[in-house]
Amino acid sequence: SVYFFAAVNVAKLVPYFALGQFDASNLATSAALAPLAPLATLAGVRLIHHIRREVFYPLMYVLVALVGAKLVYDGLIAL
């Protein structure tokens, strides 16, 4: 539910502050990209109505897997 995700995101604030993730550069980037979030959401909603589910969901799973693999790769390289 929305309350669960809100609680999880609030709980993440302390570690993010402790790791120094809230610097001016990251906050400026977040502020610049924030207006695009609703537009991207609307684009996704329109896209799902124009593409068959049998195509859309496998495509999204592949894209999420690729992004996840890239994050794991970056994490391993940084060790």
C-alpha atoms as a PDB file:
ATOM      1  CA  SER A   1       0.000   0.000   0.000  1.00  0.00           C
ATOM      2  CA  VAL A   2       0.988   3.636  -0.205  1.00  0.00           C
ATOM      3  CA  TYR A   3       1.578   3.796   3.552  1.00  0.00           C
ATOM      4  CA  PHE A   4       4.038   0.905   3.437  1.00  0.00           C
ATOM      5  CA  PHE A   5       6.089   2.478   0.639  1.00  0.00           C
ATOM      6  CA  ALA A   6       6.007   5.847   2.394  1.00  0.00           C
ATOM      7  CA  ALA A   7       7.280   4.250   5.616  1.00  0.00           C
ATOM      8  CA  VAL A   8      10.058   2.411   3.770  1.00  0.00           C
ATOM      9  CA  ASN A   9      11.129   5.605   2.015  1.00  0.00           C
ATOM     10  CA  VAL A  10      11.161   7.561   5.278  1.00  0.00           C
ATOM     11  CA  ALA A  11      13.250   4.804   6.894  1.00  0.00           C
ATOM     12  CA  LYS A  12      15.790   5.123   4.068  1.00  0.00           C
ATOM     13  CA  LEU A  13      16.401   8.802   4.808  1.00  0.00           C
ATOM     14  CA  VAL A  14      18.674   8.150   7.819  1.00  0.00           C
ATOM     15  CA  PRO A  15      21.119   5.838   5.981  1.00  0.00           C
ATOM     16  CA  TYR A  16      21.141   8.135   2.959  1.00  0.00           C
ATOM     17  CA  PHE A  17      22.069  11.087   5.171  1.00  0.00           C
ATOM     18  CA  ALA A  18      24.705   8.964   6.930  1.00  0.00           C
ATOM     19  CA  LEU A  19      26.253   7.975   3.588  1.00  0.00           C
ATOM     20  CA  GLY A  20      26.304  11.575   2.372  1.00  0.00           C
ATOM     21  CA  GLN A  21      23.875  10.972  -0.479  1.00  0.00           C
ATOM     22  CA  PHE A  22      22.054  14.256   0.103  1.00  0.00           C
ATOM     23  CA  ASP A  23      24.659  16.646  -1.232  1.00  0.00           C
ATOM     24  CA  ALA A  24      23.932  19.703  -3.349  1.00  0.00           C
ATOM     25  CA  SER A  25      24.680  17.909  -6.620  1.00  0.00           C
ATOM     26  CA  ASN A  26      22.284  15.010  -5.962  1.00  0.00           C
ATOM     27  CA  LEU A  27      19.547  17.324  -4.717  1.00  0.00           C
ATOM     28  CA  ALA A  28      19.926  19.569  -7.795  1.00  0.00           C
ATOM     29  CA  THR A  29      19.702  16.554 -10.096  1.00  0.00           C
ATOM     30  CA  SER A  30      16.617  15.286  -8.262  1.00  0.00           C
ATOM     31  CA  ALA A  31      14.969  18.697  -8.468  1.00  0.00           C
ATOM     32  CA  ALA A  32      15.707  18.928 -12.190  1.00  0.00           C
ATOM     33  CA  LEU A  33      14.327  15.457 -12.930  1.00  0.00           C
ATOM     34  CA  ALA A  34      11.289  15.574 -10.609  1.00  0.00           C
ATOM     35  CA  PRO A  35       9.019  17.366 -13.121  1.00  0.00           C
ATOM     36  CA  LEU A  36       9.672  14.571 -15.615  1.00  0.00           C
ATOM     37  CA  ALA A  37       8.339  11.841 -13.303  1.00  0.00           C
ATOM     38  CA  PRO A  38       4.631  12.529 -13.928  1.00  0.00           C
ATOM     39  CA  LEU A  39       5.283  12.788 -17.662  1.00  0.00           C
ATOM     40  CA  ALA A  40       7.109   9.457 -17.687  1.00  0.00           C
ATOM     41  CA  THR A  41       4.266   7.887 -15.708  1.00  0.00           C
ATOM     42  CA  LEU A  42       1.700   9.170 -18.201  1.00  0.00           C
ATOM     43  CA  ALA A  43       3.844   7.940 -21.086  1.00  0.00           C
ATOM     44  CA  GLY A  44       3.935   4.487 -19.492  1.00  0.00           C
ATOM     45  CA  VAL A  45       0.169   4.467 -19.059  1.00  0.00           C
ATOM     46  CA  ARG A  46      -0.337   5.431 -22.702  1.00  0.00           C
ATOM     47  CA  LEU A  47       2.233   2.898 -23.839  1.00  0.00           C
ATOM     48  CA  ILE A  48       0.564   0.038 -21.991  1.00  0.00           C
ATOM     49  CA  HIS A  49      -2.721   0.897 -23.711  1.00  0.00           C
ATOM     50  CA  HIS A  50      -1.133   0.799 -27.170  1.00  0.00           C
ATOM     51  CA  ILE A  51       1.000  -2.323 -26.803  1.00  0.00           C
ATOM     52  CA  ARG A  52      -0.362  -5.790 -26.193  1.00  0.00           C
ATOM     53  CA  ARG A  53       0.299  -7.090 -22.694  1.00  0.00           C
ATOM     54  CA  GLU A  54       1.988 -10.179 -24.125  1.00  0.00           C
ATOM     55  CA  VAL A  55       4.636  -7.862 -25.595  1.00  0.00           C
ATOM     56  CA  PHE A  56       4.749  -5.104 -22.961  1.00  0.00           C
ATOM     57  CA  TYR A  57       5.388  -7.136 -19.825  1.00  0.00           C
ATOM     58  CA  PRO A  58       8.162  -9.366 -21.197  1.00  0.00           C
ATOM     59  CA  LEU A  59       9.820  -6.248 -22.615  1.00  0.00           C
ATOM     60  CA  MET A  60       9.640  -4.515 -19.237  1.00  0.00           C
ATOM     61  CA  TYR A  61      11.007  -7.602 -17.466  1.00  0.00           C
ATOM     62  CA  VAL A  62      13.963  -7.702 -19.850  1.00  0.00           C
ATOM     63  CA  LEU A  63      14.654  -3.989 -19.353  1.00  0.00           C
ATOM     64  CA  VAL A  64      14.454  -4.304 -15.553  1.00  0.00           C
ATOM     65  CA  ALA A  65      16.778  -7.318 -15.662  1.00  0.00           C
ATOM     66  CA  LEU A  66      19.282  -5.384 -17.785  1.00  0.00           C
ATOM     67  CA  VAL A  67      19.224  -2.412 -15.423  1.00  0.00           C
ATOM     68  CA  GLY A  68      19.598  -4.762 -12.447  1.00  0.00           C
ATOM     69  CA  ALA A  69      22.546  -6.520 -14.085  1.00  0.00           C
ATOM     70  CA  LYS A  70      24.188  -3.148 -14.729  1.00  0.00           C
ATOM     71  CA  LEU A  71      23.728  -2.137 -11.087  1.00  0.00           C
ATOM     72  CA  VAL A  72      25.223  -5.425  -9.885  1.00  0.00           C
ATOM     73  CA  TYR A  73      28.127  -5.029 -12.323  1.00  0.00           C
ATOM     74  CA  ASP A  74      28.796  -1.467 -11.126  1.00  0.00           C
ATOM     75  CA  GLY A  75      28.652  -2.642  -7.523  1.00  0.00           C
ATOM     76  CA  LEU A  76      31.105  -5.477  -8.128  1.00  0.00           C
ATOM     77  CA  ILE A  77      33.513  -3.242 -10.039  1.00  0.00           C
ATOM     78  CA  ALA A  78      33.467  -0.731  -7.156  1.00  0.00           C
ATOM     79  CA  LEU A  79      34.605  -3.358  -4.615  1.00  0.00           C
END
